[in-house]
Protein backbone atom coordinates (compact mmCIF):
# COMPACT_ATOMS: atom_id res chain seq x y z
CA MET A 1 46.40 -72.16 8.03
CA ASP A 2 48.52 -70.75 10.86
CA VAL A 3 46.71 -71.82 14.05
CA GLY A 4 48.79 -69.43 16.15
CA ARG A 5 47.68 -66.37 14.19
CA VAL A 6 44.03 -67.37 14.46
CA HIS A 7 44.38 -67.82 18.21
CA THR A 8 46.01 -64.37 18.54
CA SER A 9 43.21 -62.74 16.51
CA VAL A 10 40.54 -64.36 18.69
CA GLN A 11 42.25 -63.08 21.82
CA ARG A 12 42.39 -59.51 20.46
CA SER A 13 38.71 -59.61 19.53
CA ALA A 14 37.79 -60.80 23.00
CA LEU A 15 39.78 -57.96 24.57
CA LEU A 16 38.23 -55.34 22.29
CA PHE A 17 34.59 -56.46 22.34
CA GLY A 18 34.33 -58.44 25.53
CA SER A 19 31.95 -57.55 28.35
CA GLY A 20 34.67 -55.92 30.41
CA SER A 21 36.41 -54.04 27.63
CA ALA A 22 34.57 -50.75 28.31
CA ALA A 23 35.53 -50.66 31.97
CA LEU A 24 38.25 -48.21 32.98
CA PRO A 25 41.37 -49.58 34.68
CA GLU A 26 41.02 -49.62 38.41
CA GLY A 27 42.65 -46.73 40.18
CA HIS A 28 42.83 -44.44 37.09
CA GLU A 29 42.07 -41.22 38.96
CA GLU A 30 42.97 -38.86 36.14
CA SER A 31 40.44 -40.40 33.74
CA ALA A 32 37.75 -40.31 36.43
CA ALA A 33 38.47 -36.62 37.03
CA VAL A 34 38.17 -35.85 33.32
CA LYS A 35 34.81 -37.65 33.25
CA ARG A 36 33.49 -35.66 36.21
CA LYS A 37 34.60 -32.37 34.71
CA ALA A 38 33.02 -33.24 31.36
CA LYS A 39 29.70 -33.72 33.16
CA LEU A 40 30.13 -30.33 34.82
CA LEU A 41 30.79 -28.81 31.40
CA SER A 42 27.50 -30.03 29.98
CA SER A 43 25.44 -28.45 32.75
CA PHE A 44 27.09 -25.75 34.80
CA THR A 45 30.11 -24.20 33.12
CA PRO A 46 30.39 -20.52 32.09
CA PRO A 47 30.40 -21.31 28.33
CA LYS A 48 26.99 -22.92 28.77
CA ARG A 49 25.68 -19.86 30.56
CA THR A 50 27.18 -17.59 27.89
CA MET A 51 25.37 -19.45 25.10
CA LEU A 52 22.10 -19.22 27.00
CA THR A 53 22.58 -15.50 27.61
CA ALA A 54 23.31 -14.86 23.93
CA GLN A 55 20.15 -16.71 22.91
CA MET A 56 18.08 -14.53 25.25
CA GLY A 57 19.38 -11.39 23.55
CA ALA A 58 21.31 -10.08 26.54
CA MET A 59 24.41 -7.96 26.19
CA GLY A 60 27.49 -9.96 25.41
CA SER A 61 30.13 -10.53 22.81
CA ILE A 62 31.93 -13.30 21.06
CA VAL A 63 32.87 -16.50 22.87
CA LYS A 64 35.33 -18.56 20.93
CA ALA A 65 36.81 -21.95 21.61
CA GLN A 66 40.23 -22.36 20.03
CA VAL A 67 41.61 -25.82 19.22
CA GLN A 68 44.84 -26.91 20.83
CA PRO A 69 46.32 -29.48 18.42
CA GLY A 70 47.90 -32.63 19.73
CA LEU A 71 46.23 -32.59 23.16
CA LEU A 72 43.02 -34.45 22.43
CA THR A 73 44.69 -37.26 20.46
CA ASP A 74 48.19 -38.27 19.56
CA GLY A 75 48.01 -36.44 16.20
CA PRO A 76 46.73 -33.02 15.11
CA SER A 77 43.03 -32.50 15.70
CA SER A 78 40.46 -30.06 14.35
CA GLY A 79 37.73 -30.39 16.96
CA THR A 80 36.48 -27.75 19.40
CA VAL A 81 36.46 -28.43 23.11
CA PHE A 82 35.94 -26.45 26.30
CA ARG A 83 37.80 -26.56 29.58
CA ALA A 84 36.04 -28.08 32.58
CA TYR A 85 36.41 -25.78 35.58
CA ASP A 86 36.46 -26.64 39.21
CA THR A 87 33.88 -25.09 41.50
CA ASP A 88 36.43 -22.48 42.59
CA GLY A 89 37.11 -21.42 38.99
CA ALA A 90 40.55 -22.96 38.69
CA ALA A 91 41.47 -25.02 35.65
CA PRO A 92 42.60 -28.61 36.20
CA SER A 93 46.26 -29.47 36.02
CA GLN A 94 47.36 -31.50 33.03
CA SER A 95 49.66 -34.50 33.24
CA SER A 96 52.60 -34.55 30.88
CA GLY A 97 52.36 -38.29 30.38
CA SER A 98 48.74 -38.35 29.37
CA SER A 99 47.78 -38.48 25.71
CA GLN A 100 44.11 -37.72 26.32
CA ALA A 101 42.90 -34.59 28.09
CA LEU A 102 40.06 -32.13 27.88
CA VAL A 103 41.34 -28.65 27.09
CA SER A 104 39.72 -25.27 26.62
CA ALA A 105 40.07 -21.85 25.13
CA ALA A 106 36.89 -20.39 26.58
CA ALA A 107 37.30 -17.88 29.37
CA ALA A 108 35.27 -18.08 32.54
CA GLU A 109 33.31 -15.04 31.43
CA ALA A 110 32.78 -13.66 27.89
CA PRO A 111 35.11 -10.74 27.13
CA SER A 112 33.25 -7.47 27.37
CA SER A 113 35.53 -5.14 25.43
CA SER A 114 35.33 -4.79 21.67
CA SER A 115 39.09 -5.18 21.32
CA SER A 116 39.12 -8.64 22.90
CA SER A 117 36.12 -9.65 20.81
CA SER A 118 37.76 -8.62 17.57
CA SER A 119 41.03 -10.35 18.44
CA SER A 120 39.32 -13.61 19.30
CA SER A 121 37.18 -13.54 16.19
CA SER A 122 40.17 -12.96 13.93
CA SER A 123 41.75 -16.34 14.74
CA SER A 124 40.63 -19.31 12.66
CA GLY A 125 39.60 -22.87 13.36
CA GLY A 126 37.12 -22.42 16.23
CA LEU A 127 33.47 -22.13 17.05
CA VAL A 128 32.16 -18.57 17.14
CA ILE A 129 29.10 -17.77 19.21
CA ARG A 130 27.68 -14.35 18.36
CA LYS A 131 24.99 -12.62 20.31
CA ALA A 132 21.66 -11.82 18.68
CA PRO A 133 21.05 -8.23 17.55
CA ALA A 134 20.45 -6.05 20.57
CA GLY A 135 17.64 -4.05 18.98
CA GLU A 136 19.63 -1.47 17.04
CA VAL A 137 17.65 0.17 14.24
CA PRO A 138 18.92 2.70 11.68
CA ARG A 139 18.01 6.28 12.45
CA PRO A 140 16.00 7.77 9.57
CA LYS A 141 16.88 11.11 8.05
CA TRP A 142 14.55 13.93 9.01
CA HIS A 143 12.31 15.28 6.25
CA ALA A 144 9.86 18.15 6.39
CA PRO A 145 6.19 17.18 6.04
CA TRP A 146 4.44 17.92 2.77
CA GLU A 147 1.28 19.97 2.33
CA LEU A 148 -1.15 20.77 -0.46
CA SER A 149 -0.10 23.85 -2.43
CA ALA A 150 -2.41 24.14 -5.45
CA VAL A 151 -5.28 22.35 -7.17
CA LEU A 152 -5.70 22.43 -10.96
CA ALA A 153 -8.97 21.75 -12.75
CA GLY A 154 -9.50 21.35 -16.46
CA HIS A 155 -9.88 17.68 -17.31
CA GLN A 156 -13.31 16.13 -17.67
CA GLY A 157 -12.25 12.63 -16.66
CA TRP A 158 -9.87 10.71 -14.44
CA VAL A 159 -6.32 12.05 -14.78
CA ARG A 160 -4.18 8.98 -15.53
CA SER A 161 -0.66 10.14 -16.45
CA VAL A 162 1.86 12.96 -15.99
CA ALA A 163 5.33 13.86 -17.32
CA PHE A 164 7.69 16.82 -16.89
CA ASP A 165 9.57 18.90 -19.41
CA PRO A 166 13.38 18.38 -19.12
CA ASN A 167 13.80 22.12 -18.46
CA ASN A 168 11.18 22.04 -15.69
CA GLU A 169 9.19 24.80 -17.37
CA TRP A 170 5.98 22.86 -18.03
CA PHE A 171 4.38 19.50 -17.46
CA VAL A 172 1.83 17.46 -19.35
CA THR A 173 -1.10 15.35 -18.17
CA GLY A 174 -3.28 12.74 -19.87
CA SER A 175 -6.84 11.91 -18.93
CA ALA A 176 -9.76 9.57 -19.48
CA ASP A 177 -11.42 12.41 -21.38
CA ARG A 178 -9.03 11.50 -24.26
CA THR A 179 -7.16 14.83 -24.09
CA ILE A 180 -3.58 15.84 -23.31
CA LYS A 181 -3.06 19.14 -21.51
CA ILE A 182 0.17 21.10 -21.17
CA TRP A 183 0.50 23.32 -18.08
CA ASP A 184 2.84 26.16 -17.18
CA PHE A 185 4.60 24.82 -14.11
CA ALA A 186 5.58 28.13 -12.50
CA LYS A 187 2.08 29.58 -12.73
CA CYS A 188 0.43 26.40 -11.54
CA ALA A 189 2.77 26.03 -8.57
CA ALA A 190 2.06 29.62 -7.55
CA GLY A 191 -1.69 29.19 -7.96
CA ALA A 192 -1.89 31.92 -10.60
CA GLU A 193 -4.35 32.06 -13.45
CA GLY A 194 -3.43 31.11 -17.00
CA GLY A 195 -1.67 27.91 -16.09
CA LEU A 196 -3.17 25.89 -18.95
CA LYS A 197 -1.11 26.45 -22.08
CA LEU A 198 -2.37 23.92 -24.61
CA THR A 199 -4.81 21.03 -25.14
CA LEU A 200 -4.01 18.25 -27.62
CA THR A 201 -6.69 15.93 -29.00
CA GLY A 202 -6.32 12.85 -31.16
CA HIS A 203 -6.72 9.81 -28.96
CA VAL A 204 -10.04 7.98 -28.94
CA GLY A 205 -9.46 6.35 -25.54
CA PRO A 206 -8.06 7.26 -22.12
CA VAL A 207 -4.44 8.49 -22.27
CA ARG A 208 -2.45 6.18 -19.99
CA GLY A 209 1.19 6.97 -20.77
CA LEU A 210 3.24 10.12 -21.47
CA ALA A 211 6.92 10.78 -22.08
CA VAL A 212 8.83 13.95 -23.06
CA SER A 213 12.08 13.64 -24.99
CA ASP A 214 15.10 15.52 -23.62
CA LYS A 215 16.88 15.47 -27.01
CA HIS A 216 14.06 16.32 -29.42
CA PRO A 217 10.97 18.57 -29.28
CA TYR A 218 8.81 15.46 -29.11
CA LEU A 219 6.02 14.35 -26.83
CA PHE A 220 4.97 10.68 -26.84
CA SER A 221 1.58 9.45 -25.73
CA ALA A 222 -0.12 6.06 -25.41
CA GLY A 223 -3.69 5.12 -24.63
CA GLU A 224 -6.23 2.40 -24.24
CA ASP A 225 -7.09 2.83 -27.94
CA LYS A 226 -3.93 0.77 -28.76
CA GLN A 227 -2.32 3.88 -30.28
CA VAL A 228 1.17 5.22 -29.62
CA LYS A 229 1.69 8.72 -30.99
CA CYS A 230 4.65 11.07 -31.42
CA TRP A 231 3.76 14.76 -31.22
CA ASP A 232 5.94 17.54 -32.63
CA LEU A 233 5.65 20.33 -30.07
CA GLU A 234 6.86 22.95 -32.55
CA TYR A 235 3.75 22.37 -34.68
CA ASN A 236 1.51 20.72 -32.05
CA ARG A 237 0.54 17.84 -34.29
CA VAL A 238 1.14 14.12 -34.62
CA ILE A 239 4.05 13.21 -36.87
CA ARG A 240 4.41 9.44 -36.20
CA HIS A 241 2.28 6.47 -35.21
CA TYR A 242 3.68 3.24 -33.80
CA HIS A 243 1.41 0.32 -34.75
CA GLY A 244 1.69 -3.14 -33.24
CA HIS A 245 -0.01 -3.36 -29.85
CA LEU A 246 -2.94 -5.75 -29.74
CA SER A 247 -4.67 -4.08 -26.78
CA GLY A 248 -4.55 -0.99 -24.62
CA VAL A 249 -1.15 0.58 -23.90
CA TYR A 250 -0.71 1.38 -20.20
CA CYS A 251 2.83 2.70 -19.86
CA MET A 252 5.82 3.99 -21.80
CA SER A 253 9.38 5.17 -21.29
CA LEU A 254 12.18 6.69 -23.38
CA HIS A 255 15.66 5.22 -23.34
CA PRO A 256 18.03 7.75 -21.72
CA THR A 257 20.82 7.45 -24.32
CA LEU A 258 19.39 5.72 -27.42
CA ASP A 259 16.58 6.82 -29.72
CA LEU A 260 14.34 4.01 -28.48
CA LEU A 261 10.80 4.05 -27.15
CA ILE A 262 9.48 1.28 -24.91
CA THR A 263 5.72 0.74 -24.55
CA ALA A 264 3.75 -1.95 -22.72
CA GLY A 265 0.18 -2.75 -21.84
CA ARG A 266 -2.64 -5.27 -21.78
CA ASP A 267 -1.16 -7.57 -24.42
CA SER A 268 1.38 -8.69 -21.77
CA VAL A 269 4.46 -7.65 -23.76
CA ALA A 270 6.82 -4.69 -23.86
CA ARG A 271 7.62 -3.42 -27.34
CA VAL A 272 10.84 -1.60 -28.23
CA TRP A 273 10.52 0.91 -31.08
CA ASP A 274 13.03 2.82 -33.13
CA MET A 275 11.89 6.38 -32.50
CA ARG A 276 12.72 7.65 -35.99
CA THR A 277 11.93 4.75 -38.32
CA LYS A 278 8.88 3.49 -36.34
CA GLN A 279 10.25 -0.04 -36.65
CA GLU A 280 9.64 -2.58 -33.89
CA VAL A 281 13.08 -3.61 -32.62
CA HIS A 282 12.06 -6.17 -29.97
CA VAL A 283 8.97 -7.74 -28.51
CA LEU A 284 9.79 -8.58 -24.90
CA GLY A 285 7.48 -11.43 -24.02
CA GLY A 286 7.40 -13.38 -20.78
CA HIS A 287 4.73 -11.81 -18.61
CA SER A 288 1.43 -13.63 -18.33
CA ASN A 289 -0.72 -10.61 -17.56
CA THR A 290 -0.94 -6.85 -18.16
CA VAL A 291 2.37 -4.97 -18.00
CA ALA A 292 1.63 -2.00 -15.75
CA SER A 293 4.90 -0.04 -15.58
CA VAL A 294 8.28 0.21 -17.30
CA LEU A 295 11.65 1.78 -16.43
CA THR A 296 14.73 2.34 -18.61
CA TYR A 297 18.43 2.67 -17.71
CA PRO A 298 21.55 3.48 -19.75
CA VAL A 299 23.27 0.26 -18.58
CA ASP A 300 22.12 -3.33 -18.22
CA PRO A 301 19.46 -4.14 -17.31
CA GLN A 302 18.32 -1.37 -19.63
CA ILE A 303 14.60 -2.22 -19.27
CA ILE A 304 12.60 -3.15 -16.14
CA THR A 305 8.93 -4.08 -16.29
CA SER A 306 6.29 -4.91 -13.70
CA SER A 307 3.08 -6.78 -14.30
CA TYR A 308 -0.25 -7.84 -12.90
CA ASP A 309 1.18 -11.38 -12.82
CA CYS A 310 2.97 -10.36 -9.57
CA THR A 311 6.45 -10.35 -11.11
CA VAL A 312 9.16 -7.82 -11.96
CA LYS A 313 11.51 -8.59 -14.85
CA LEU A 314 14.92 -7.24 -15.82
CA TRP A 315 15.59 -7.36 -19.57
CA ASP A 316 18.69 -7.66 -21.72
CA LEU A 317 18.05 -5.11 -24.47
CA VAL A 318 20.66 -6.51 -26.87
CA ALA A 319 19.46 -10.12 -26.68
CA GLY A 320 15.81 -9.21 -26.25
CA ARG A 321 15.21 -11.65 -23.41
CA SER A 322 14.69 -11.64 -19.67
CA MET A 323 17.75 -11.59 -17.40
CA THR A 324 16.07 -11.94 -14.01
CA THR A 325 12.54 -12.45 -12.74
CA MET A 326 11.64 -11.34 -9.20
CA THR A 327 8.67 -13.18 -7.75
CA GLN A 328 8.59 -11.83 -4.18
CA HIS A 329 5.37 -9.86 -4.71
CA LYS A 330 2.11 -11.64 -3.90
CA LYS A 331 -0.20 -9.15 -5.63
CA ALA A 332 -0.20 -7.29 -8.93
CA VAL A 333 2.78 -4.91 -9.26
CA ARG A 334 1.22 -1.71 -10.55
CA ALA A 335 4.00 0.83 -10.12
CA LEU A 336 7.77 1.25 -10.48
CA ALA A 337 9.93 4.22 -9.54
CA ALA A 338 13.60 4.91 -10.23
CA THR A 339 15.72 6.96 -7.87
CA PRO A 340 17.93 9.73 -9.28
CA HIS A 341 20.79 9.31 -6.80
CA GLU A 342 21.57 5.56 -6.78
CA MET A 343 21.06 2.39 -8.81
CA THR A 344 18.03 1.11 -6.96
CA PHE A 345 14.33 1.21 -7.65
CA LEU A 346 10.96 0.66 -5.99
CA SER A 347 8.06 -1.59 -6.94
CA GLY A 348 4.63 -1.34 -5.40
CA GLY A 349 1.41 -3.30 -5.20
CA LYS A 350 -1.34 -4.22 -2.80
CA ASP A 351 0.92 -6.41 -0.67
CA ASN A 352 3.96 -4.20 -0.15
CA ILE A 353 6.44 -1.69 -1.50
CA LYS A 354 9.81 -3.29 -2.17
CA LYS A 355 13.25 -1.83 -2.80
CA TRP A 356 15.56 -3.58 -5.29
CA GLN A 357 19.05 -3.34 -6.64
CA VAL A 358 19.10 -2.51 -10.34
CA ARG A 359 22.17 -4.49 -11.34
CA ASP A 360 21.01 -7.97 -10.40
CA GLY A 361 17.52 -7.54 -8.97
CA LYS A 362 18.66 -8.22 -5.40
CA PHE A 363 15.95 -7.56 -2.83
CA LEU A 364 17.00 -4.89 -0.34
CA GLN A 365 14.09 -4.07 1.96
CA ASN A 366 10.35 -3.58 2.36
CA PHE A 367 8.49 -0.34 2.91
CA SER A 368 5.65 -1.66 5.05
CA GLY A 369 2.56 0.19 6.16
CA HIS A 370 0.68 1.34 3.06
CA ASP A 371 -2.23 -1.08 3.18
CA ALA A 372 -3.92 -0.16 -0.08
CA VAL A 373 -3.64 -0.75 -3.82
CA VAL A 374 -0.56 1.34 -4.68
CA ASN A 375 -0.93 2.87 -8.15
CA SER A 376 1.99 5.29 -8.24
CA LEU A 377 5.49 5.72 -6.83
CA ALA A 378 8.00 8.56 -7.08
CA VAL A 379 11.41 9.36 -5.56
CA ASN A 380 13.32 12.66 -5.51
CA ALA A 381 17.01 13.42 -5.06
CA ASP A 382 16.57 14.34 -1.37
CA GLY A 383 15.67 10.76 -0.51
CA VAL A 384 11.90 11.27 -0.23
CA ALA A 385 9.73 8.53 -1.71
CA ILE A 386 5.97 8.82 -2.06
CA SER A 387 3.30 6.23 -2.74
CA GLY A 388 -0.25 6.98 -3.85
CA ALA A 389 -3.11 4.51 -3.68
CA ASP A 390 -6.62 3.79 -4.90
CA ASP A 391 -8.24 4.98 -1.69
CA GLY A 392 -6.65 8.44 -1.87
CA SER A 393 -3.97 7.72 0.73
CA LEU A 394 -0.53 9.26 0.28
CA ARG A 395 2.53 8.04 2.17
CA MET A 396 5.88 9.82 2.49
CA TRP A 397 8.93 7.63 3.11
CA ASP A 398 12.59 8.09 3.93
CA TYR A 399 14.10 6.22 1.00
CA GLU A 400 17.23 5.11 2.85
CA THR A 401 15.58 3.40 5.82
CA GLY A 402 11.97 2.87 4.72
CA HIS A 403 10.61 5.02 7.55
CA CYS A 404 7.13 6.44 6.84
CA PHE A 405 7.39 9.99 8.18
CA GLN A 406 3.99 11.21 6.99
CA GLN A 407 0.57 9.73 6.28
CA GLN A 408 -1.67 11.99 4.22
CA GLU A 409 -5.14 11.66 2.76
CA THR A 410 -5.90 13.55 -0.42
CA ILE A 411 -8.63 16.21 -0.31
CA VAL A 412 -11.54 15.36 -2.58
CA GLN A 413 -12.85 18.35 -4.49
CA PRO A 414 -16.34 19.76 -3.74
CA GLY A 415 -19.01 17.95 -5.71
CA SER A 416 -17.04 14.70 -5.91
CA LEU A 417 -17.81 11.46 -4.11
CA LYS A 418 -15.51 10.22 -1.39
CA VAL A 419 -14.65 7.17 -3.46
CA GLU A 420 -13.27 9.48 -6.16
CA GLY A 421 -10.19 10.22 -4.10
CA GLY A 422 -7.95 7.69 -5.84
CA ILE A 423 -4.43 8.65 -6.93
CA PHE A 424 -3.50 7.23 -10.34
CA ALA A 425 -0.16 8.86 -11.15
CA SER A 426 2.45 11.06 -9.49
CA ALA A 427 5.79 12.67 -10.31
CA PHE A 428 8.32 15.01 -8.73
CA ASP A 429 9.55 17.96 -10.70
CA HIS A 430 13.26 17.93 -11.60
CA SER A 431 14.18 20.01 -8.56
CA GLY A 432 12.38 17.61 -6.22
CA SER A 433 10.64 20.47 -4.40
CA ARG A 434 7.16 19.93 -5.88
CA LEU A 435 5.02 16.83 -6.24
CA VAL A 436 2.22 16.51 -8.80
CA THR A 437 -0.52 13.92 -8.28
CA CYS A 438 -3.20 12.91 -10.81
CA GLU A 439 -6.46 11.88 -9.20
CA ALA A 440 -9.87 10.36 -9.75
CA ASP A 441 -11.76 13.56 -8.90
CA LYS A 442 -10.53 14.97 -12.27
CA SER A 443 -8.09 17.30 -10.53
CA ILE A 444 -4.32 17.73 -10.50
CA LYS A 445 -2.80 18.56 -7.13
CA ILE A 446 0.59 20.13 -6.43
CA TRP A 447 2.26 19.44 -3.08
CA LYS A 448 5.24 21.14 -1.45
CA GLU A 449 7.27 20.87 1.75
CA ASN A 450 6.22 22.82 4.81
CA ALA A 451 8.84 25.55 4.98
CA ALA A 452 8.09 26.35 8.63
CA ALA A 453 8.63 22.78 9.86
CA THR A 454 11.73 21.94 11.89
CA GLU A 455 13.01 18.90 13.74
CA ASP A 456 11.64 20.40 16.95
CA THR A 457 8.13 21.00 15.65
CA HIS A 458 7.92 17.69 13.76
CA PRO A 459 10.32 15.26 15.48
CA ILE A 460 10.88 11.67 14.40
CA ASP A 461 8.91 9.25 16.55
CA MET A 462 11.79 6.90 17.31
CA ASP A 463 9.75 4.75 19.70
CA ALA A 464 7.18 3.93 17.06
CA TRP A 465 9.88 3.44 14.42
CA THR A 466 11.87 1.09 16.68
CA LYS A 467 8.76 -0.93 17.49
CA HIS A 468 7.86 -1.15 13.81
CA SER A 469 11.40 -2.18 12.80
CA LEU A 470 11.68 -4.92 15.40
CA SER A 471 8.19 -6.33 14.92
CA LEU A 472 7.82 -9.50 12.93
CA LYS A 473 6.39 -8.74 9.50
CA ARG A 474 5.04 -11.07 6.86
CA TYR A 475 6.67 -10.41 3.50
């Protein structure tokens, strides 16, 4: 063994780890100055004050510390450091012979102009400190308030479903009295007599779902008697039955491009039927409770279902299986509504009304404020969304921002109890100018916009909307 090498190694270890190894060389003023300025940085420098101001939500912009390679160590570095300032605001001078120095790219004050903020944020490799949102909220679009226009009577039980003719000439309603009634839309909207055109009988249970084909003279109905029927409106009789459901059928929808019918109900599945051959194409299973509502789209996901198991599912029609399951709801999801002007949809329950993206089921926003069991949702092309609930409350929303611009209570008909004010179904006509609601007092109500309302007579309460938007909400 080389004794000399061992002795040299012991000497180096003593120098590195000895008791006096951490002491700075005597008289090293530059290192002492760097140490003092580093202490100032941790307590009193402008970058520290800027971070504190940004956390408190005050006005400010981006403070960025840019790395200066080669100044902190002998080689390139990727750290982020700030400059220590003297009490008079001047930066310390830097010695050319020193290999260690504390440098900075933070200004004494945060830049106030947007141009300096954007230029500093465009450079890479530094720490970006952004201010918290300063309380900006989107301004909702103004909508005229809605008012009751006409009340239709004719059913002898709760009115549970409604659907419109593609030509907007008539609409059809289904009731707990086991009948289907077809109404002349123009006469009913005007409040004229003779609005009832036809009554169809054949179900032995409440009629819960209706759909009108836009390619054939067919009307489809479903009820709690487990029956799904196809009616030929040229002869006003049933021409097809679709057998397969094991319990009551609560909802139905027609595919917009294919001759397919989708029905769902208490057996916790959605069944896809060939409209012509009556064959069952798919059984979409996956929900663990009643399927309450169904939507169809011409592109994937072509089927969307909501259930009492608090979930919303997007389905692959070709494969016959679920693509995405959304579990954000905490209560039963009783209603879905598609919008005619964009690929989004609404889901509603007791906990909240939520807005989703159709393509991938991405959550977009909440419509908060309707504290009731929401049974029905509808959206028109003007961006007005409505929600109707068990307690007879009706809410009007701006679909873009989620602003509730009107809170309305339905008017219970004379002779009915107050608890019979529930809203079970609702739909806009194809023009979006009339709203039809089906209610527990056995009536059908038609609503329209107040033509005399203006932004001056019914302004948007921006203070209340701002307070609501910035308040902390439990989702």
